[in-house]
């Protein structure tokens, strides 16, 4: 029996979560290789939601449609995925399929992952879905990269190499997680998925599976921009810059060069595009990068 754990991390978005779970329960992989000997289980990782998520899930918990885990506090996206992947590996699943609660898999998303797995004979580090926004366009915040600093723009190939991918529908063999470690929980938010997927792609060939598609029901189709974002969100960007230093410095001179040039470009955007708090935005860029130089988070492994 081949077992797959769909790990869904949620926080205070019960309506989207229920829709995501419905999509997972509707997966049709009956025509995939060895489908009769394959089982999909759903693991919900609740970052201590306060909107009635646990109560809304009670019918699914009681009839054993899902396995529910409450982390006890808000661990952020990074901590939630660390927690969920750890649980899946500890419980003995063969594959871990991770996603946020606003990720809506299509009926054949898993089937196409299994088809790709068979075509590759299991010789890969991870598979990533094509992620589209609600209007059908490519979701820019989840666009994969190959090589390191170049966005993929052609999503038509059935399989193509992938260097960086998001956690919005990532399919990973459990043995790879056991070998290379879990997402860095101390990141809290921002870049945890890129660091994790790059750690894998440095060791194994990884792929964008062009026929595996999901819809990301995010509020908008765009990447966060410190120059244009609202004032109350400025502080969050310090984590983005801090975490990116950890991520890119492993690439050596090329990585440091990218961080430096990007920092200058973002500062230019703040000076020319920001409508308010320019000083605070510039300070956040500088402080985040400086904190990153001192930041040495631990990579945890499943015991």
Protein backbone atom coordinates (compact mmCIF):
# COMPACT_ATOMS: atom_id res chain seq x y z
CA UNK A 1 0.00 0.00 0.00
CA UNK A 2 1.30 3.45 -1.01
CA UNK A 3 0.15 6.10 1.45
CA UNK A 4 -0.08 9.84 0.83
CA UNK A 5 -0.63 12.50 3.47
CA UNK A 6 -2.21 15.74 2.25
CA UNK A 7 -0.96 18.25 4.83
CA UNK A 8 -3.09 21.42 5.02
CA UNK A 9 -1.91 24.28 7.25
CA UNK A 10 -4.65 26.64 8.38
CA UNK A 11 -5.16 29.74 10.49
CA UNK A 12 -8.47 31.55 10.90
CA UNK A 13 -9.84 30.79 7.43
CA UNK A 14 -12.36 28.05 8.13
CA UNK A 15 -14.52 28.69 5.07
CA UNK A 16 -11.58 28.43 2.69
CA UNK A 17 -10.31 25.42 4.63
CA UNK A 18 -13.60 23.58 4.26
CA UNK A 19 -13.55 24.28 0.52
CA UNK A 20 -9.98 22.99 0.30
CA UNK A 21 -10.92 19.83 2.19
CA UNK A 22 -13.86 19.26 -0.15
CA UNK A 23 -11.45 19.49 -3.10
CA UNK A 24 -9.16 16.93 -1.48
CA UNK A 25 -12.04 14.55 -0.80
CA UNK A 26 -13.00 14.85 -4.49
CA UNK A 27 -9.63 13.71 -5.84
CA UNK A 28 -9.99 11.13 -8.60
CA UNK A 29 -6.80 9.16 -9.12
CA UNK A 30 -8.48 5.88 -10.06
CA UNK A 31 -6.72 5.78 -13.45
CA UNK A 32 -3.26 6.52 -12.02
CA UNK A 33 -0.61 3.77 -11.84
CA UNK A 34 -1.19 1.44 -8.88
CA UNK A 35 -4.25 3.49 -7.87
CA UNK A 36 -5.97 0.50 -6.29
CA UNK A 37 -3.03 0.19 -3.92
CA UNK A 38 -2.87 3.91 -3.05
CA UNK A 39 -4.51 5.73 -0.12
CA UNK A 40 -4.86 9.47 0.47
CA UNK A 41 -5.29 10.74 4.03
CA UNK A 42 -5.85 14.38 5.01
CA UNK A 43 -3.94 15.95 7.90
CA UNK A 44 -5.16 19.38 9.02
CA UNK A 45 -2.61 21.42 10.95
CA UNK A 46 -4.42 24.18 12.81
CA UNK A 47 -2.20 27.04 14.00
CA UNK A 48 -4.51 27.60 17.00
CA UNK A 49 -7.30 29.30 15.02
CA UNK A 50 -9.75 31.43 16.98
CA UNK A 51 -12.56 31.61 14.39
CA UNK A 52 -14.30 28.34 15.22
CA UNK A 53 -12.21 26.19 12.88
CA UNK A 54 -11.99 23.27 15.32
CA UNK A 55 -15.75 23.26 15.88
CA UNK A 56 -16.44 23.41 12.14
CA UNK A 57 -14.22 20.39 11.61
CA UNK A 58 -15.80 18.22 14.31
CA UNK A 59 -18.02 16.21 11.90
CA UNK A 60 -14.98 15.42 9.72
CA UNK A 61 -12.90 14.54 12.77
CA UNK A 62 -15.57 12.30 14.27
CA UNK A 63 -16.17 10.35 11.08
CA UNK A 64 -12.40 10.08 10.54
CA UNK A 65 -12.44 11.93 7.24
CA UNK A 66 -9.46 13.95 8.45
CA UNK A 67 -6.73 13.79 11.07
CA UNK A 68 -6.74 17.02 13.06
CA UNK A 69 -3.78 18.52 14.91
CA UNK A 70 -3.87 21.79 16.85
CA UNK A 71 -0.38 23.26 17.28
CA UNK A 72 -1.39 25.07 20.47
CA UNK A 73 -0.16 28.46 19.26
CA UNK A 74 0.32 30.29 15.99
CA UNK A 75 3.61 28.92 14.63
CA UNK A 76 3.32 30.83 11.36
CA UNK A 77 3.30 29.14 7.99
CA UNK A 78 6.85 27.88 8.45
CA UNK A 79 6.14 26.35 11.84
CA UNK A 80 2.88 24.85 10.62
CA UNK A 81 4.52 23.10 7.68
CA UNK A 82 7.38 21.95 9.89
CA UNK A 83 4.82 20.47 12.30
CA UNK A 84 2.72 18.86 9.57
CA UNK A 85 5.57 17.29 7.62
CA UNK A 86 7.03 15.94 10.84
CA UNK A 87 3.70 14.32 11.74
CA UNK A 88 3.30 12.80 8.28
CA UNK A 89 6.77 11.25 8.31
CA UNK A 90 6.41 10.03 11.89
CA UNK A 91 3.10 8.37 10.98
CA UNK A 92 4.84 6.46 8.20
CA UNK A 93 3.35 7.99 5.05
CA UNK A 94 5.25 7.43 1.80
CA UNK A 95 4.52 10.84 0.28
CA UNK A 96 3.64 14.24 1.72
CA UNK A 97 1.49 16.64 -0.30
CA UNK A 98 1.52 20.09 1.31
CA UNK A 99 -0.66 23.15 0.77
CA UNK A 100 -2.18 26.22 2.41
CA UNK A 101 -5.87 26.33 3.30
CA UNK A 102 -6.65 28.60 0.33
CA UNK A 103 -5.21 26.11 -2.19
CA UNK A 104 -7.92 24.38 -4.21
CA UNK A 105 -6.69 21.20 -5.93
CA UNK A 106 -8.48 20.24 -9.11
CA UNK A 107 -10.07 16.82 -9.38
CA UNK A 108 -7.05 15.39 -11.22
CA UNK A 109 -4.23 17.22 -9.37
CA UNK A 110 -3.09 14.19 -7.40
CA UNK A 111 -3.57 11.86 -10.37
CA UNK A 112 -1.14 13.91 -12.42
CA UNK A 113 1.39 13.86 -9.58
CA UNK A 114 1.14 10.07 -9.51
CA UNK A 115 1.50 9.90 -13.30
CA UNK A 116 4.63 12.06 -13.07
CA UNK A 117 5.98 9.91 -10.24
CA UNK A 118 5.57 6.81 -12.40
CA UNK A 119 7.16 8.47 -15.42
CA UNK A 120 10.17 9.51 -13.34
CA UNK A 121 10.31 6.11 -11.61
CA UNK A 122 10.33 7.94 -8.29
CA UNK A 123 13.70 9.55 -9.03
CA UNK A 124 13.09 13.13 -7.97
CA UNK A 125 13.19 15.39 -4.92
CA UNK A 126 9.79 17.02 -5.29
CA UNK A 127 7.01 17.78 -7.76
CA UNK A 128 5.24 21.14 -7.92
CA UNK A 129 1.83 22.01 -9.38
CA UNK A 130 1.04 24.81 -11.79
CA UNK A 131 -0.68 27.40 -9.60
CA UNK A 132 -3.38 29.57 -11.14
CA UNK A 133 -5.32 32.41 -9.58
CA UNK A 134 -9.10 32.57 -9.48
CA UNK A 135 -9.30 34.21 -12.92
CA UNK A 136 -7.21 31.44 -14.51
CA UNK A 137 -4.00 33.45 -14.83
CA UNK A 138 -0.73 32.21 -13.36
CA UNK A 139 -0.50 33.08 -9.66
CA UNK A 140 2.54 35.34 -9.49
CA UNK A 141 3.33 34.73 -5.82
CA UNK A 142 3.66 30.99 -6.50
CA UNK A 143 5.59 31.11 -9.76
CA UNK A 144 8.39 28.55 -9.76
CA UNK A 145 11.97 29.38 -10.69
CA UNK A 146 14.60 27.68 -12.79
CA UNK A 147 17.42 28.40 -12.49
CA UNK A 148 17.74 30.17 -9.14
CA UNK A 149 16.74 33.74 -10.05
CA UNK A 150 14.66 33.23 -13.21
CA UNK A 151 10.89 32.77 -13.12
CA UNK A 152 9.44 29.96 -15.21
CA UNK A 153 7.18 31.45 -17.88
CA UNK A 154 6.21 28.43 -20.00
CA UNK A 155 3.90 26.10 -18.09
CA UNK A 156 2.99 23.84 -21.01
CA UNK A 157 5.63 21.07 -20.66
CA UNK A 158 4.42 17.94 -18.92
CA UNK A 159 7.61 17.95 -16.84
CA UNK A 160 10.35 20.56 -16.60
CA UNK A 161 13.21 21.17 -14.15
CA UNK A 162 12.38 23.29 -11.11
CA UNK A 163 14.78 24.96 -8.67
CA UNK A 164 12.39 26.85 -6.37
CA UNK A 165 8.72 26.21 -5.63
CA UNK A 166 6.08 27.25 -3.12
CA UNK A 167 4.13 25.21 -0.59
CA UNK A 168 0.94 25.73 -2.61
CA UNK A 169 0.75 22.10 -3.76
CA UNK A 170 4.16 20.51 -3.30
CA UNK A 171 4.52 16.71 -3.51
CA UNK A 172 7.53 15.30 -1.64
CA UNK A 173 8.62 11.71 -0.96
CA UNK A 174 8.84 11.20 2.81
CA UNK A 175 12.32 9.72 2.45
CA UNK A 176 13.55 13.06 1.08
CA UNK A 177 12.20 14.89 4.13
CA UNK A 178 13.81 12.33 6.42
CA UNK A 179 17.14 12.78 4.67
CA UNK A 180 17.29 16.54 4.15
CA UNK A 181 15.25 17.87 7.05
CA UNK A 182 12.10 19.89 7.69
CA UNK A 183 11.24 23.48 6.76
CA UNK A 184 12.92 25.98 9.09
CA UNK A 185 10.26 26.82 11.67
CA UNK A 186 12.17 29.87 12.94
CA UNK A 187 11.47 31.64 9.64
CA UNK A 188 7.83 31.95 10.85
CA UNK A 189 6.68 33.40 7.51
CA UNK A 190 8.29 34.25 4.15
CA UNK A 191 10.82 32.18 2.17
CA UNK A 192 10.40 28.96 4.16
CA UNK A 193 9.16 27.20 1.02
CA UNK A 194 11.94 28.53 -1.19
CA UNK A 195 14.65 27.58 1.30
CA UNK A 196 13.17 24.10 1.69
CA UNK A 197 12.73 23.45 -2.03
CA UNK A 198 16.20 24.80 -2.85
CA UNK A 199 17.72 22.56 -0.19
CA UNK A 200 16.15 19.63 -2.03
CA UNK A 201 16.96 20.78 -5.57
CA UNK A 202 20.64 21.07 -4.65
CA UNK A 203 20.62 17.29 -4.07
CA UNK A 204 17.92 15.83 -6.34
CA UNK A 205 16.38 16.71 -9.71
CA UNK A 206 13.02 18.40 -9.08
CA UNK A 207 10.18 19.15 -11.47
CA UNK A 208 7.22 21.33 -12.26
CA UNK A 209 4.42 18.94 -13.25
CA UNK A 210 2.58 20.88 -15.94
CA UNK A 211 -0.58 18.77 -15.87
CA UNK A 212 -1.02 19.01 -12.10
CA UNK A 213 -2.92 22.26 -11.53
CA UNK A 214 -4.39 24.01 -8.48
CA UNK A 215 -6.24 27.27 -7.95
CA UNK A 216 -4.92 29.63 -5.27
CA UNK A 217 -7.76 31.66 -3.77
CA UNK A 218 -5.51 34.40 -2.42
CA UNK A 219 -6.97 37.88 -1.94
CA UNK A 220 -5.00 39.27 -4.85
CA UNK A 221 -2.69 38.04 -7.59
CA UNK A 222 0.53 39.75 -6.72
CA UNK A 223 3.83 39.48 -4.89
CA UNK A 224 4.35 41.52 -1.71
CA UNK A 225 6.02 44.87 -2.37
CA UNK A 226 7.43 46.88 0.54
CA UNK A 227 7.18 50.11 -1.48
CA UNK A 228 3.45 49.72 -2.16
CA UNK A 229 2.09 47.67 0.75
CA UNK A 230 0.05 49.24 3.54
CA UNK A 231 1.75 50.86 6.52
CA UNK A 232 0.59 48.22 9.01
CA UNK A 233 2.34 45.48 7.02
CA UNK A 234 5.77 47.13 6.79
CA UNK A 235 7.14 45.31 9.84
CA UNK A 236 6.47 41.89 8.34
CA UNK A 237 8.97 42.54 5.57
CA UNK A 238 11.85 42.47 8.04
CA UNK A 239 11.30 38.70 8.26
CA UNK A 240 11.35 38.44 4.46
CA UNK A 241 14.72 40.16 4.13
CA UNK A 242 16.17 38.34 7.13
CA UNK A 243 15.10 34.92 5.87
CA UNK A 244 16.25 35.60 2.32
CA UNK A 245 19.79 36.28 3.53
CA UNK A 246 19.85 32.80 5.10
CA UNK A 247 18.50 31.33 1.89
CA UNK A 248 20.69 33.11 -0.65
CA UNK A 249 23.99 33.07 1.24
CA UNK A 250 24.19 29.32 0.67
CA UNK A 251 24.61 30.17 -3.00
CA UNK A 252 27.95 31.87 -2.30
CA UNK A 253 29.04 35.00 -4.15
CA UNK A 254 26.12 34.79 -6.58
CA UNK A 255 23.67 34.73 -3.69
CA UNK A 256 25.23 37.66 -1.85
CA UNK A 257 25.34 39.60 -5.09
CA UNK A 258 21.66 38.98 -5.69
CA UNK A 259 20.76 40.13 -2.16
CA UNK A 260 22.80 43.32 -2.55
CA UNK A 261 21.39 44.26 -5.95
CA UNK A 262 17.83 43.44 -4.91
CA UNK A 263 18.21 45.52 -1.75
CA UNK A 264 19.29 48.53 -3.80
CA UNK A 265 16.42 48.01 -6.23
CA UNK A 266 13.86 47.77 -3.44
CA UNK A 267 15.27 50.92 -1.84
CA UNK A 268 14.92 52.67 -5.20
CA UNK A 269 11.28 51.54 -5.41
CA UNK A 270 10.61 52.89 -1.93
CA UNK A 271 12.14 56.26 -2.79
CA UNK A 272 10.24 56.58 -6.06
CA UNK A 273 6.95 54.74 -5.45
CA UNK A 274 6.10 54.75 -1.73
CA UNK A 275 3.37 57.20 -0.73
CA UNK A 276 4.19 57.22 2.99
CA UNK A 277 6.67 56.05 5.65
CA UNK A 278 9.62 56.01 3.26
CA UNK A 279 12.11 56.17 6.12
CA UNK A 280 10.49 53.25 7.94
CA UNK A 281 10.40 51.18 4.78
CA UNK A 282 14.09 51.83 4.04
CA UNK A 283 14.98 51.06 7.66
CA UNK A 284 13.13 47.74 7.41
CA UNK A 285 15.14 46.72 4.32
CA UNK A 286 18.45 47.53 6.03
CA UNK A 287 17.57 45.98 9.40
CA UNK A 288 16.18 42.83 7.85
CA UNK A 289 19.32 42.21 5.81
CA UNK A 290 21.60 42.94 8.78
CA UNK A 291 19.62 40.58 11.01
CA UNK A 292 19.93 37.93 8.32
CA UNK A 293 23.72 38.08 8.50
CA UNK A 294 23.51 37.13 12.19
CA UNK A 295 20.59 34.70 11.87
CA UNK A 296 21.62 31.03 12.16
CA UNK A 297 18.39 29.00 12.38
CA UNK A 298 18.50 25.26 12.88
CA UNK A 299 17.36 22.68 10.35
CA UNK A 300 15.43 20.02 12.24
CA UNK A 301 15.19 16.36 11.29
CA UNK A 302 12.54 13.77 12.00
CA UNK A 303 13.90 11.43 14.65
